Amino acid sequence: MDAPLGAEITGLDLTEKLPDATVAALLQAWFDHQVLVVRDQDLTPQQLVDFTAQLGEPGRPRMPSQAVRDIIPDLPPEVMIVSNVRVDGKPLGLAHDGEMWFHSDMCYTEFPHTATMLYAVDLPSTGGNTKFADMYAAYENLDPATRSRLEGRKALQVHDYKRTERPGVDLDLTKIGNYAHPVFVTHPETGKKALYVNRLMTARIEGLDREESDALLEELFTVGEDPSIIYEHV
């Protein structure tokens, strides 16, 4: 694809069980390109789970809302609904509706999910684009002095977001999901280092005062959101 990251996969029917060699090739393509696009698929929720299970063990999000369970009673527990539909004034999807800042799914847990599958069912006539940032490139693009300063430090990731608002200053961590991960992480398969902070869920850099932490995080966010390292899926 004509983008800083991402690759389009063709010739696959994801409703079928894939040969081991194809699964291995898919995983390698993902390691190489970070985002894979597979168009023109027609999957039930269970078929999406079955395909995912060929690549690894599917995770489980929070329990879906009662409205979701009423509409899709057989929804597999591994599937989370993202929707702008409202039922009785409440968002149908767990992630609410509207725009969301850049984030890394499940980064506020001790063991974040390895990957995320997005499957579009109904798309709006305009908008709804999803952006992906190359955090390998973000790490490489950081000022060397900043990399050196933050090497070995951790950042607190929290599940206390408002879609387009930084996490609060005074957080009661007993009531929200949170975990401190290294600011820079190394991918276990590629061995490459990546920046691991995001504007939506990173609250602070541990061991620094608020002013210094905020200033450094803003620098990291700016590098991580640079258009030159972003693929926008339309």
Protein backbone atom coordinates (compact mmCIF):
# COMPACT_ATOMS: atom_id res chain seq x y z
CA MET A 1 0.00 0.00 0.00
CA ASP A 2 1.08 3.59 -0.55
CA ALA A 3 1.44 4.31 3.16
CA PRO A 4 4.19 4.38 5.82
CA LEU A 5 2.93 1.08 7.19
CA GLY A 6 0.39 -1.60 6.36
CA ALA A 7 -0.11 -4.23 3.66
CA GLU A 8 -3.18 -5.52 1.83
CA ILE A 9 -3.73 -9.27 1.77
CA THR A 10 -5.66 -10.72 -1.19
CA GLY A 11 -6.87 -14.14 -2.25
CA LEU A 12 -8.04 -15.37 1.17
CA ASP A 13 -11.44 -16.50 2.39
CA LEU A 14 -11.34 -15.99 6.15
CA THR A 15 -14.37 -18.22 6.70
CA GLU A 16 -12.17 -21.22 5.84
CA LYS A 17 -9.55 -22.94 7.96
CA LEU A 18 -6.20 -21.75 6.64
CA PRO A 19 -3.18 -24.00 6.04
CA ASP A 20 -0.43 -23.70 8.62
CA ALA A 21 1.90 -22.19 6.03
CA THR A 22 -0.64 -19.46 5.25
CA VAL A 23 -1.09 -18.68 8.94
CA ALA A 24 2.68 -18.42 9.34
CA ALA A 25 2.88 -16.13 6.30
CA LEU A 26 0.11 -13.91 7.69
CA LEU A 27 1.88 -13.58 11.01
CA GLN A 28 5.16 -12.74 9.31
CA ALA A 29 3.42 -10.14 7.13
CA TRP A 30 1.95 -8.60 10.28
CA PHE A 31 5.37 -8.52 11.96
CA ASP A 32 6.79 -6.84 8.85
CA HIS A 33 3.99 -4.34 8.16
CA GLN A 34 2.17 -3.90 11.52
CA VAL A 35 -1.28 -3.51 9.93
CA LEU A 36 -2.94 -5.98 7.55
CA VAL A 37 -6.00 -5.14 5.45
CA VAL A 38 -8.18 -7.98 4.14
CA ARG A 39 -11.10 -6.66 2.10
CA ASP A 40 -14.39 -8.13 0.88
CA GLN A 41 -14.97 -10.66 3.66
CA ASP A 42 -18.42 -11.73 4.92
CA LEU A 43 -18.01 -13.02 8.46
CA THR A 44 -20.35 -13.84 11.30
CA PRO A 45 -19.09 -12.88 14.77
CA GLN A 46 -18.20 -16.52 15.44
CA GLN A 47 -16.31 -16.82 12.15
CA LEU A 48 -14.29 -13.75 13.12
CA VAL A 49 -13.38 -15.46 16.40
CA ASP A 50 -12.56 -18.71 14.61
CA PHE A 51 -10.21 -16.91 12.22
CA THR A 52 -8.56 -15.05 15.09
CA ALA A 53 -8.02 -18.32 16.96
CA GLN A 54 -5.88 -19.58 14.07
CA LEU A 55 -3.40 -16.79 14.84
CA GLY A 56 -3.44 -16.99 18.63
CA GLU A 57 -5.68 -17.17 21.68
CA PRO A 58 -8.53 -14.62 21.41
CA GLY A 59 -8.90 -12.24 24.34
CA ARG A 60 -12.15 -11.27 26.01
CA PRO A 61 -13.32 -7.68 26.50
CA ARG A 62 -15.74 -6.52 29.16
CA MET A 63 -19.26 -7.97 29.25
CA PRO A 64 -21.36 -6.39 26.47
CA SER A 65 -24.26 -4.15 27.40
CA GLN A 66 -27.71 -5.62 27.91
CA ALA A 67 -28.84 -3.82 24.75
CA VAL A 68 -26.18 -5.67 22.75
CA ARG A 69 -27.15 -9.00 24.29
CA ASP A 70 -30.79 -8.33 23.45
CA ILE A 71 -29.98 -7.61 19.80
CA ILE A 72 -27.22 -10.23 19.36
CA PRO A 73 -27.96 -12.91 21.98
CA ASP A 74 -25.33 -15.31 20.62
CA LEU A 75 -22.50 -12.73 20.47
CA PRO A 76 -19.24 -14.53 21.30
CA PRO A 77 -17.55 -13.17 24.46
CA GLU A 78 -14.39 -12.46 22.46
CA VAL A 79 -16.17 -9.80 20.34
CA MET A 80 -16.63 -6.18 21.38
CA ILE A 81 -19.14 -3.97 19.59
CA VAL A 82 -18.09 -0.47 18.48
CA SER A 83 -21.15 1.46 17.34
CA ASN A 84 -22.69 4.92 17.07
CA VAL A 85 -26.17 3.42 17.52
CA ARG A 86 -27.94 4.37 20.74
CA VAL A 87 -30.66 2.40 22.51
CA ASP A 88 -32.79 4.34 25.01
CA GLY A 89 -30.27 7.15 24.75
CA LYS A 90 -27.28 4.97 25.65
CA PRO A 91 -24.47 3.95 23.27
CA LEU A 92 -24.81 0.37 22.07
CA GLY A 93 -21.06 -0.20 21.88
CA LEU A 94 -18.68 -0.49 24.84
CA ALA A 95 -16.31 2.07 23.34
CA HIS A 96 -19.11 4.66 23.02
CA ASP A 97 -19.44 6.65 19.82
CA GLY A 98 -17.62 9.54 18.23
CA GLU A 99 -13.96 10.27 17.64
CA MET A 100 -11.25 8.76 19.83
CA TRP A 101 -7.66 9.87 20.25
CA PHE A 102 -4.76 7.58 19.46
CA HIS A 103 -4.49 4.72 21.92
CA SER A 104 -3.17 1.18 22.33
CA ASP A 105 -5.85 -1.37 23.22
CA MET A 106 -5.57 -2.91 26.69
CA CYS A 107 -2.33 -1.05 27.48
CA TYR A 108 -3.66 -0.49 31.02
CA THR A 109 -3.45 -4.22 31.80
CA GLU A 110 -0.42 -6.23 32.87
CA PHE A 111 -0.57 -8.32 29.71
CA PRO A 112 -1.92 -6.19 26.83
CA HIS A 113 -3.41 -8.02 23.87
CA THR A 114 -0.97 -8.80 21.10
CA ALA A 115 -3.21 -7.56 18.30
CA THR A 116 -6.66 -6.20 17.53
CA MET A 117 -9.04 -7.31 14.77
CA LEU A 118 -11.43 -4.70 13.35
CA TYR A 119 -14.33 -5.95 11.22
CA ALA A 120 -16.69 -3.38 9.70
CA VAL A 121 -20.37 -4.35 9.50
CA ASP A 122 -22.14 -1.05 8.72
CA LEU A 123 -20.15 2.06 7.85
CA PRO A 124 -21.28 5.70 8.01
CA SER A 125 -21.62 7.58 4.74
CA THR A 126 -18.80 9.90 5.82
CA GLY A 127 -16.12 9.67 8.48
CA GLY A 128 -15.34 6.61 10.52
CA ASN A 129 -11.74 6.44 9.30
CA THR A 130 -9.24 4.66 11.54
CA LYS A 131 -5.62 5.75 11.85
CA PHE A 132 -2.62 3.60 12.74
CA ALA A 133 0.78 4.98 13.77
CA ASP A 134 4.16 3.29 13.28
CA MET A 135 5.57 3.36 16.80
CA TYR A 136 8.82 1.75 15.65
CA ALA A 137 9.36 4.85 13.52
CA ALA A 138 8.25 7.08 16.40
CA TYR A 139 10.98 5.59 18.58
CA GLU A 140 13.60 6.10 15.88
CA ASN A 141 12.41 9.68 15.26
CA LEU A 142 12.78 10.76 18.89
CA ASP A 143 15.56 13.12 19.82
CA PRO A 144 18.46 10.92 21.01
CA ALA A 145 18.68 12.93 24.23
CA THR A 146 15.00 12.21 24.94
CA ARG A 147 15.50 8.50 24.27
CA SER A 148 18.46 8.43 26.63
CA ARG A 149 16.58 10.36 29.30
CA LEU A 150 13.59 8.01 29.24
CA GLU A 151 15.37 4.68 28.77
CA GLY A 152 14.30 2.35 31.57
CA ARG A 153 11.45 4.58 32.76
CA LYS A 154 7.83 3.48 32.96
CA ALA A 155 4.59 5.27 32.09
CA LEU A 156 1.29 4.75 33.89
CA GLN A 157 -1.45 3.59 31.51
CA VAL A 158 -5.03 3.95 32.76
CA HIS A 159 -8.54 2.99 31.70
CA ASP A 160 -10.00 6.42 32.48
CA TYR A 161 -10.54 8.06 29.14
CA LYS A 162 -13.12 10.43 27.70
CA ARG A 163 -12.38 9.72 24.02
CA THR A 164 -10.68 13.09 23.41
CA GLU A 165 -9.38 14.09 26.83
CA ARG A 166 -6.21 13.31 28.77
CA PRO A 167 -6.55 11.13 31.90
CA GLY A 168 -7.27 13.10 35.07
CA VAL A 169 -4.49 14.41 37.32
CA ASP A 170 -5.78 12.94 40.59
CA LEU A 171 -6.79 9.40 39.74
CA ASP A 172 -8.20 6.90 42.21
CA LEU A 173 -6.31 3.91 40.87
CA THR A 174 -8.32 1.52 43.04
CA LYS A 175 -11.35 2.10 40.83
CA ILE A 176 -9.89 1.92 37.33
CA GLY A 177 -7.71 -0.44 35.34
CA ASN A 178 -4.09 0.70 35.37
CA TYR A 179 -0.58 -0.61 34.84
CA ALA A 180 2.87 0.94 34.43
CA HIS A 181 4.68 -0.26 31.31
CA PRO A 182 8.08 0.80 29.95
CA VAL A 183 8.01 3.96 27.85
CA PHE A 184 9.95 1.97 25.25
CA VAL A 185 9.12 -1.68 24.63
CA THR A 186 10.83 -4.33 22.52
CA HIS A 187 8.65 -6.47 20.26
CA PRO A 188 9.24 -10.13 21.20
CA GLU A 189 9.18 -11.33 17.59
CA THR A 190 10.94 -8.57 15.66
CA GLY A 191 13.32 -7.42 18.39
CA LYS A 192 12.59 -3.82 17.39
CA LYS A 193 12.02 -1.06 19.92
CA ALA A 194 8.80 0.96 19.88
CA LEU A 195 7.40 3.96 21.69
CA TYR A 196 4.65 2.78 24.05
CA VAL A 197 2.69 5.82 25.19
CA ASN A 198 -0.50 7.34 23.83
CA ARG A 199 -2.48 10.51 24.35
CA LEU A 200 -5.70 8.80 25.43
CA MET A 201 -4.51 6.43 28.15
CA THR A 202 -1.02 7.47 29.31
CA ALA A 203 -1.41 9.46 32.54
CA ARG A 204 2.17 10.16 33.56
CA ILE A 205 5.80 9.07 33.46
CA GLU A 206 6.65 7.44 36.75
CA GLY A 207 9.25 9.12 38.95
CA LEU A 208 8.90 12.59 37.42
CA ASP A 209 6.98 15.59 38.73
CA ARG A 210 3.78 16.48 36.91
CA GLU A 211 5.21 19.42 34.96
CA GLU A 212 8.21 17.49 33.67
CA SER A 213 6.11 14.42 32.91
CA ASP A 214 3.51 16.42 30.97
CA ALA A 215 6.17 18.22 28.93
CA LEU A 216 7.92 14.98 27.98
CA LEU A 217 4.66 13.21 27.20
CA GLU A 218 3.59 16.04 24.90
CA GLU A 219 6.90 15.67 23.06
CA LEU A 220 6.35 11.91 22.74
CA PHE A 221 2.74 12.32 21.59
CA THR A 222 3.76 14.83 18.94
CA VAL A 223 6.35 12.46 17.50
CA GLY A 224 3.97 9.48 17.71
CA GLU A 225 1.19 11.35 15.89
CA ASP A 226 3.32 12.76 13.08
CA PRO A 227 1.40 12.33 9.78
CA SER A 228 4.52 10.94 8.11
CA ILE A 229 4.25 7.71 10.15
CA ILE A 230 0.47 7.26 9.96
CA TYR A 231 -1.73 5.04 7.79
CA GLU A 232 -5.35 6.18 7.59
CA HIS A 233 -7.77 3.42 6.66
CA VAL A 234 -10.73 4.75 4.70
